[in-house]
Amino acid sequence: FVYHKTMNYGDCILEKRRSRKAGMD
């Protein structure tokens, strides 16, 4: 799965939200 852009994207969304809470882009 790491070689394709799939809808299996939950870890990306959650980490993006956590980065914002930590003051990161």
PDB file of all heavy atoms in Angstrom:
ATOM      1  N   PHE A   1       0.811  -1.217   0.000  1.00  0.00           N
ATOM      2  CA  PHE A   1       0.000   0.000   0.000  1.00  0.00           C
ATOM      3  C   PHE A   1       0.845   1.269   0.000  1.00  0.00           C
ATOM      4  O   PHE A   1       0.398   2.314  -0.435  1.00  0.00           O
ATOM      5  CB  PHE A   1      -0.955   0.022   1.199  1.00  0.00           C
ATOM      6  CG  PHE A   1      -2.155  -0.842   0.997  1.00  0.00           C
ATOM      7  CD1 PHE A   1      -2.135  -2.169   1.401  1.00  0.00           C
ATOM      8  CD2 PHE A   1      -3.298  -0.349   0.397  1.00  0.00           C
ATOM      9  CE1 PHE A   1      -3.230  -2.980   1.194  1.00  0.00           C
ATOM     10  CE2 PHE A   1      -4.399  -1.146   0.187  1.00  0.00           C
ATOM     11  CZ  PHE A   1      -4.365  -2.467   0.582  1.00  0.00           C
ATOM     12  N   VAL A   2       2.079   1.195   0.487  1.00  0.00           N
ATOM     13  CA  VAL A   2       2.902   2.403   0.560  1.00  0.00           C
ATOM     14  C   VAL A   2       3.346   2.888  -0.810  1.00  0.00           C
ATOM     15  O   VAL A   2       3.860   3.993  -0.943  1.00  0.00           O
ATOM     16  CB  VAL A   2       4.132   2.214   1.489  1.00  0.00           C
ATOM     17  CG1 VAL A   2       3.695   1.901   2.901  1.00  0.00           C
ATOM     18  CG2 VAL A   2       5.077   1.163   0.955  1.00  0.00           C
ATOM     19  N   TYR A   3       3.128   2.089  -1.843  1.00  0.00           N
ATOM     20  CA  TYR A   3       3.528   2.474  -3.190  1.00  0.00           C
ATOM     21  C   TYR A   3       2.392   3.109  -3.978  1.00  0.00           C
ATOM     22  O   TYR A   3       2.550   3.426  -5.149  1.00  0.00           O
ATOM     23  CB  TYR A   3       4.049   1.253  -3.957  1.00  0.00           C
ATOM     24  CG  TYR A   3       5.274   0.670  -3.308  1.00  0.00           C
ATOM     25  CD1 TYR A   3       5.191  -0.453  -2.506  1.00  0.00           C
ATOM     26  CD2 TYR A   3       6.514   1.280  -3.477  1.00  0.00           C
ATOM     27  CE1 TYR A   3       6.315  -0.969  -1.901  1.00  0.00           C
ATOM     28  CE2 TYR A   3       7.640   0.769  -2.866  1.00  0.00           C
ATOM     29  CZ  TYR A   3       7.537  -0.361  -2.079  1.00  0.00           C
ATOM     30  OH  TYR A   3       8.655  -0.858  -1.473  1.00  0.00           O
ATOM     31  N   HIS A   4       1.230   3.290  -3.356  1.00  0.00           N
ATOM     32  CA  HIS A   4       0.052   3.798  -4.060  1.00  0.00           C
ATOM     33  C   HIS A   4      -0.669   4.827  -3.200  1.00  0.00           C
ATOM     34  O   HIS A   4      -0.629   4.762  -1.976  1.00  0.00           O
ATOM     35  CB  HIS A   4      -0.905   2.648  -4.377  1.00  0.00           C
ATOM     36  CG  HIS A   4      -0.267   1.548  -5.149  1.00  0.00           C
ATOM     37  ND1 HIS A   4      -0.011   1.639  -6.495  1.00  0.00           N
ATOM     38  CD2 HIS A   4       0.206   0.344  -4.753  1.00  0.00           C
ATOM     39  CE1 HIS A   4       0.576   0.534  -6.899  1.00  0.00           C
ATOM     40  NE2 HIS A   4       0.729  -0.271  -5.865  1.00  0.00           N
ATOM     41  N   LYS A   5      -1.362   5.764  -3.853  1.00  0.00           N
ATOM     42  CA  LYS A   5      -2.186   6.734  -3.130  1.00  0.00           C
ATOM     43  C   LYS A   5      -3.575   6.123  -3.000  1.00  0.00           C
ATOM     44  O   LYS A   5      -4.348   6.121  -3.950  1.00  0.00           O
ATOM     45  CB  LYS A   5      -2.230   8.062  -3.877  1.00  0.00           C
ATOM     46  CG  LYS A   5      -0.858   8.725  -3.860  1.00  0.00           C
ATOM     47  CD  LYS A   5      -0.899  10.162  -4.201  1.00  0.00           C
ATOM     48  CE  LYS A   5      -1.453  10.966  -3.077  1.00  0.00           C
ATOM     49  NZ  LYS A   5      -1.165  12.388  -3.181  1.00  0.00           N
ATOM     50  N   THR A   6      -3.842   5.585  -1.831  1.00  0.00           N
ATOM     51  CA  THR A   6      -5.120   4.923  -1.609  1.00  0.00           C
ATOM     52  C   THR A   6      -5.949   5.709  -0.600  1.00  0.00           C
ATOM     53  O   THR A   6      -5.441   6.582   0.100  1.00  0.00           O
ATOM     54  CB  THR A   6      -4.931   3.483  -1.077  1.00  0.00           C
ATOM     55  OG1 THR A   6      -4.473   3.530   0.277  1.00  0.00           O
ATOM     56  CG2 THR A   6      -3.948   2.699  -1.937  1.00  0.00           C
ATOM     57  N   MET A   7      -7.217   5.354  -0.518  1.00  0.00           N
ATOM     58  CA  MET A   7      -8.120   5.993   0.441  1.00  0.00           C
ATOM     59  C   MET A   7      -7.840   5.517   1.867  1.00  0.00           C
ATOM     60  O   MET A   7      -8.418   6.025   2.808  1.00  0.00           O
ATOM     61  CB  MET A   7      -9.569   5.686   0.085  1.00  0.00           C
ATOM     62  CG  MET A   7      -9.952   6.157  -1.287  1.00  0.00           C
ATOM     63  SD  MET A   7     -10.048   7.938  -1.345  1.00  0.00           S
ATOM     64  CE  MET A   7     -11.274   8.106  -2.598  1.00  0.00           C
ATOM     65  N   ASN A   8      -6.946   4.573   2.016  1.00  0.00           N
ATOM     66  CA  ASN A   8      -6.537   4.075   3.318  1.00  0.00           C
ATOM     67  C   ASN A   8      -5.557   5.105   3.892  1.00  0.00           C
ATOM     68  O   ASN A   8      -4.344   4.911   3.879  1.00  0.00           O
ATOM     69  CB  ASN A   8      -5.866   2.704   3.126  1.00  0.00           C
ATOM     70  CG  ASN A   8      -5.765   1.942   4.401  1.00  0.00           C
ATOM     71  OD1 ASN A   8      -5.645   2.525   5.465  1.00  0.00           O
ATOM     72  ND2 ASN A   8      -5.795   0.636   4.290  1.00  0.00           N
ATOM     73  N   TYR A   9      -6.087   6.212   4.389  1.00  0.00           N
ATOM     74  CA  TYR A   9      -5.313   7.420   4.651  1.00  0.00           C
ATOM     75  C   TYR A   9      -5.457   7.930   6.091  1.00  0.00           C
ATOM     76  O   TYR A   9      -5.062   9.033   6.410  1.00  0.00           O
ATOM     77  CB  TYR A   9      -5.809   8.494   3.665  1.00  0.00           C
ATOM     78  CG  TYR A   9      -4.766   9.446   3.167  1.00  0.00           C
ATOM     79  CD1 TYR A   9      -3.698   9.028   2.389  1.00  0.00           C
ATOM     80  CD2 TYR A   9      -4.853  10.802   3.460  1.00  0.00           C
ATOM     81  CE1 TYR A   9      -2.756   9.917   1.914  1.00  0.00           C
ATOM     82  CE2 TYR A   9      -3.920  11.700   2.984  1.00  0.00           C
ATOM     83  CZ  TYR A   9      -2.872  11.253   2.221  1.00  0.00           C
ATOM     84  OH  TYR A   9      -1.938  12.128   1.745  1.00  0.00           O
ATOM     85  N   GLY A  10      -6.058   7.099   6.945  1.00  0.00           N
ATOM     86  CA  GLY A  10      -6.360   7.540   8.303  1.00  0.00           C
ATOM     87  C   GLY A  10      -5.165   8.000   9.108  1.00  0.00           C
ATOM     88  O   GLY A  10      -5.235   9.005   9.821  1.00  0.00           O
ATOM     89  N   ASP A  11      -4.040   7.278   9.016  1.00  0.00           N
ATOM     90  CA  ASP A  11      -2.877   7.684   9.801  1.00  0.00           C
ATOM     91  C   ASP A  11      -2.355   9.048   9.366  1.00  0.00           C
ATOM     92  O   ASP A  11      -1.897   9.837  10.192  1.00  0.00           O
ATOM     93  CB  ASP A  11      -1.774   6.629   9.768  1.00  0.00           C
ATOM     94  CG  ASP A  11      -1.316   6.242   8.376  1.00  0.00           C
ATOM     95  OD1 ASP A  11      -1.944   6.665   7.391  1.00  0.00           O
ATOM     96  OD2 ASP A  11      -0.327   5.498   8.274  1.00  0.00           O
ATOM     97  N   CYS A  12      -2.479   9.368   8.088  1.00  0.00           N
ATOM     98  CA  CYS A  12      -2.048  10.688   7.602  1.00  0.00           C
ATOM     99  C   CYS A  12      -2.916  11.801   8.182  1.00  0.00           C
ATOM    100  O   CYS A  12      -2.404  12.830   8.643  1.00  0.00           O
ATOM    101  CB  CYS A  12      -2.107  10.741   6.078  1.00  0.00           C
ATOM    102  SG  CYS A  12      -0.932   9.655   5.259  1.00  0.00           S
ATOM    103  N   ILE A  13      -4.224  11.595   8.165  1.00  0.00           N
ATOM    104  CA  ILE A  13      -5.154  12.608   8.683  1.00  0.00           C
ATOM    105  C   ILE A  13      -4.930  12.824  10.176  1.00  0.00           C
ATOM    106  O   ILE A  13      -4.829  13.969  10.647  1.00  0.00           O
ATOM    107  CB  ILE A  13      -6.617  12.198   8.411  1.00  0.00           C
ATOM    108  CG1 ILE A  13      -6.880  12.052   6.910  1.00  0.00           C
ATOM    109  CG2 ILE A  13      -7.590  13.158   9.079  1.00  0.00           C
ATOM    110  CD1 ILE A  13      -6.733  13.324   6.114  1.00  0.00           C
ATOM    111  N   LEU A  14      -4.847  11.731  10.929  1.00  0.00           N
ATOM    112  CA  LEU A  14      -4.659  11.862  12.382  1.00  0.00           C
ATOM    113  C   LEU A  14      -3.328  12.527  12.725  1.00  0.00           C
ATOM    114  O   LEU A  14      -3.260  13.384  13.608  1.00  0.00           O
ATOM    115  CB  LEU A  14      -4.779  10.495  13.060  1.00  0.00           C
ATOM    116  CG  LEU A  14      -6.165   9.869  13.016  1.00  0.00           C
ATOM    117  CD1 LEU A  14      -6.131   8.471  13.625  1.00  0.00           C
ATOM    118  CD2 LEU A  14      -7.196  10.738  13.712  1.00  0.00           C
ATOM    119  N   GLU A  15      -2.262  12.163  12.023  1.00  0.00           N
ATOM    120  CA  GLU A  15      -0.962  12.786  12.290  1.00  0.00           C
ATOM    121  C   GLU A  15      -0.945  14.255  11.877  1.00  0.00           C
ATOM    122  O   GLU A  15      -0.313  15.078  12.534  1.00  0.00           O
ATOM    123  CB  GLU A  15       0.162  12.021  11.591  1.00  0.00           C
ATOM    124  CG  GLU A  15       0.597  10.779  12.346  1.00  0.00           C
ATOM    125  CD  GLU A  15       1.099  11.095  13.738  1.00  0.00           C
ATOM    126  OE1 GLU A  15       2.241  11.580  13.896  1.00  0.00           O
ATOM    127  OE2 GLU A  15       0.338  10.848  14.704  1.00  0.00           O
ATOM    128  N   LYS A  16      -1.635  14.594  10.799  1.00  0.00           N
ATOM    129  CA  LYS A  16      -1.728  16.007  10.394  1.00  0.00           C
ATOM    130  C   LYS A  16      -2.440  16.813  11.487  1.00  0.00           C
ATOM    131  O   LYS A  16      -1.992  17.906  11.852  1.00  0.00           O
ATOM    132  CB  LYS A  16      -2.488  16.122   9.061  1.00  0.00           C
ATOM    133  CG  LYS A  16      -2.634  17.531   8.560  1.00  0.00           C
ATOM    134  CD  LYS A  16      -1.318  18.118   8.133  1.00  0.00           C
ATOM    135  CE  LYS A  16      -1.516  19.446   7.422  1.00  0.00           C
ATOM    136  NZ  LYS A  16      -0.262  19.992   6.938  1.00  0.00           N
ATOM    137  N   ARG A  17      -3.535  16.275  12.016  1.00  0.00           N
ATOM    138  CA  ARG A  17      -4.250  16.961  13.102  1.00  0.00           C
ATOM    139  C   ARG A  17      -3.367  17.110  14.335  1.00  0.00           C
ATOM    140  O   ARG A  17      -3.353  18.166  14.982  1.00  0.00           O
ATOM    141  CB  ARG A  17      -5.522  16.184  13.455  1.00  0.00           C
ATOM    142  CG  ARG A  17      -6.582  16.263  12.379  1.00  0.00           C
ATOM    143  CD  ARG A  17      -7.765  15.387  12.716  1.00  0.00           C
ATOM    144  NE  ARG A  17      -8.741  15.399  11.623  1.00  0.00           N
ATOM    145  CZ  ARG A  17      -9.742  14.548  11.529  1.00  0.00           C
ATOM    146  NH1 ARG A  17      -9.926  13.611  12.457  1.00  0.00           N
ATOM    147  NH2 ARG A  17     -10.582  14.625  10.514  1.00  0.00           N
ATOM    148  N   ARG A  18      -2.622  16.066  14.668  1.00  0.00           N
ATOM    149  CA  ARG A  18      -1.721  16.129  15.831  1.00  0.00           C
ATOM    150  C   ARG A  18      -0.615  17.146  15.605  1.00  0.00           C
ATOM    151  O   ARG A  18      -0.197  17.838  16.542  1.00  0.00           O
ATOM    152  CB  ARG A  18      -1.140  14.745  16.116  1.00  0.00           C
ATOM    153  CG  ARG A  18      -2.154  13.775  16.662  1.00  0.00           C
ATOM    154  CD  ARG A  18      -1.529  12.395  16.939  1.00  0.00           C
ATOM    155  NE  ARG A  18      -2.571  11.469  17.315  1.00  0.00           N
ATOM    156  CZ  ARG A  18      -2.761  10.276  16.756  1.00  0.00           C
ATOM    157  NH1 ARG A  18      -1.938   9.848  15.805  1.00  0.00           N
ATOM    158  NH2 ARG A  18      -3.731   9.497  17.151  1.00  0.00           N
ATOM    159  N   SER A  19      -0.134  17.235  14.373  1.00  0.00           N
ATOM    160  CA  SER A  19       0.929  18.207  14.098  1.00  0.00           C
ATOM    161  C   SER A  19       0.418  19.629  14.305  1.00  0.00           C
ATOM    162  O   SER A  19       1.125  20.477  14.847  1.00  0.00           O
ATOM    163  CB  SER A  19       1.502  18.021  12.690  1.00  0.00           C
ATOM    164  OG  SER A  19       0.619  18.486  11.695  1.00  0.00           O
ATOM    165  N   ARG A  20      -0.807  19.886  13.875  1.00  0.00           N
ATOM    166  CA  ARG A  20      -1.390  21.229  14.073  1.00  0.00           C
ATOM    167  C   ARG A  20      -1.538  21.551  15.552  1.00  0.00           C
ATOM    168  O   ARG A  20      -1.250  22.672  15.972  1.00  0.00           O
ATOM    169  CB  ARG A  20      -2.734  21.316  13.370  1.00  0.00           C
ATOM    170  CG  ARG A  20      -2.586  21.431  11.870  1.00  0.00           C
ATOM    171  CD  ARG A  20      -3.909  21.712  11.211  1.00  0.00           C
ATOM    172  NE  ARG A  20      -3.734  21.778   9.767  1.00  0.00           N
ATOM    173  CZ  ARG A  20      -4.593  21.300   8.900  1.00  0.00           C
ATOM    174  NH1 ARG A  20      -5.705  20.713   9.314  1.00  0.00           N
ATOM    175  NH2 ARG A  20      -4.367  21.401   7.618  1.00  0.00           N
ATOM    176  N   LYS A  21      -1.996  20.581  16.332  1.00  0.00           N
ATOM    177  CA  LYS A  21      -2.131  20.803  17.778  1.00  0.00           C
ATOM    178  C   LYS A  21      -0.782  21.084  18.420  1.00  0.00           C
ATOM    179  O   LYS A  21      -0.704  21.784  19.423  1.00  0.00           O
ATOM    180  CB  LYS A  21      -2.790  19.590  18.439  1.00  0.00           C
ATOM    181  CG  LYS A  21      -4.273  19.502  18.170  1.00  0.00           C
ATOM    182  CD  LYS A  21      -4.879  18.305  18.874  1.00  0.00           C
ATOM    183  CE  LYS A  21      -6.359  18.194  18.532  1.00  0.00           C
ATOM    184  NZ  LYS A  21      -6.965  16.982  19.117  1.00  0.00           N
ATOM    185  N   ALA A  22       0.284  20.529  17.844  1.00  0.00           N
ATOM    186  CA  ALA A  22       1.637  20.740  18.368  1.00  0.00           C
ATOM    187  C   ALA A  22       2.280  22.006  17.798  1.00  0.00           C
ATOM    188  O   ALA A  22       3.452  22.279  18.065  1.00  0.00           O
ATOM    189  CB  ALA A  22       2.504  19.524  18.056  1.00  0.00           C
ATOM    190  N   GLY A  23       1.529  22.781  17.006  1.00  0.00           N
ATOM    191  CA  GLY A  23       2.053  24.017  16.440  1.00  0.00           C
ATOM    192  C   GLY A  23       2.888  23.819  15.184  1.00  0.00           C
ATOM    193  O   GLY A  23       3.645  24.707  14.799  1.00  0.00           O
ATOM    194  N   MET A  24       2.747  22.670  14.561  1.00  0.00           N
ATOM    195  CA  MET A  24       3.512  22.355  13.352  1.00  0.00           C
ATOM    196  C   MET A  24       2.613  22.439  12.126  1.00  0.00           C
ATOM    197  O   MET A  24       1.398  22.337  12.221  1.00  0.00           O
ATOM    198  CB  MET A  24       4.082  20.930  13.426  1.00  0.00           C
ATOM    199  CG  MET A  24       4.973  20.662  14.594  1.00  0.00           C
ATOM    200  SD  MET A  24       6.549  21.489  14.333  1.00  0.00           S
ATOM    201  CE  MET A  24       7.218  21.436  15.970  1.00  0.00           C
ATOM    202  N   ASP A  25       3.228  22.581  10.958  1.00  0.00           N
ATOM    203  CA  ASP A  25       2.495  22.546   9.693  1.00  0.00           C
ATOM    204  C   ASP A  25       2.395  21.133   9.139  1.00  0.00           C
ATOM    205  O   ASP A  25       1.486  20.820   8.383  1.00  0.00           O
ATOM    206  CB  ASP A  25       3.212  23.408   8.635  1.00  0.00           C
ATOM    207  CG  ASP A  25       3.230  24.862   9.014  1.00  0.00           C
ATOM    208  OD1 ASP A  25       2.142  25.426   9.220  1.00  0.00           O
ATOM    209  OD2 ASP A  25       4.332  25.435   9.111  1.00  0.00           O
TER     210      ASP A  25
END
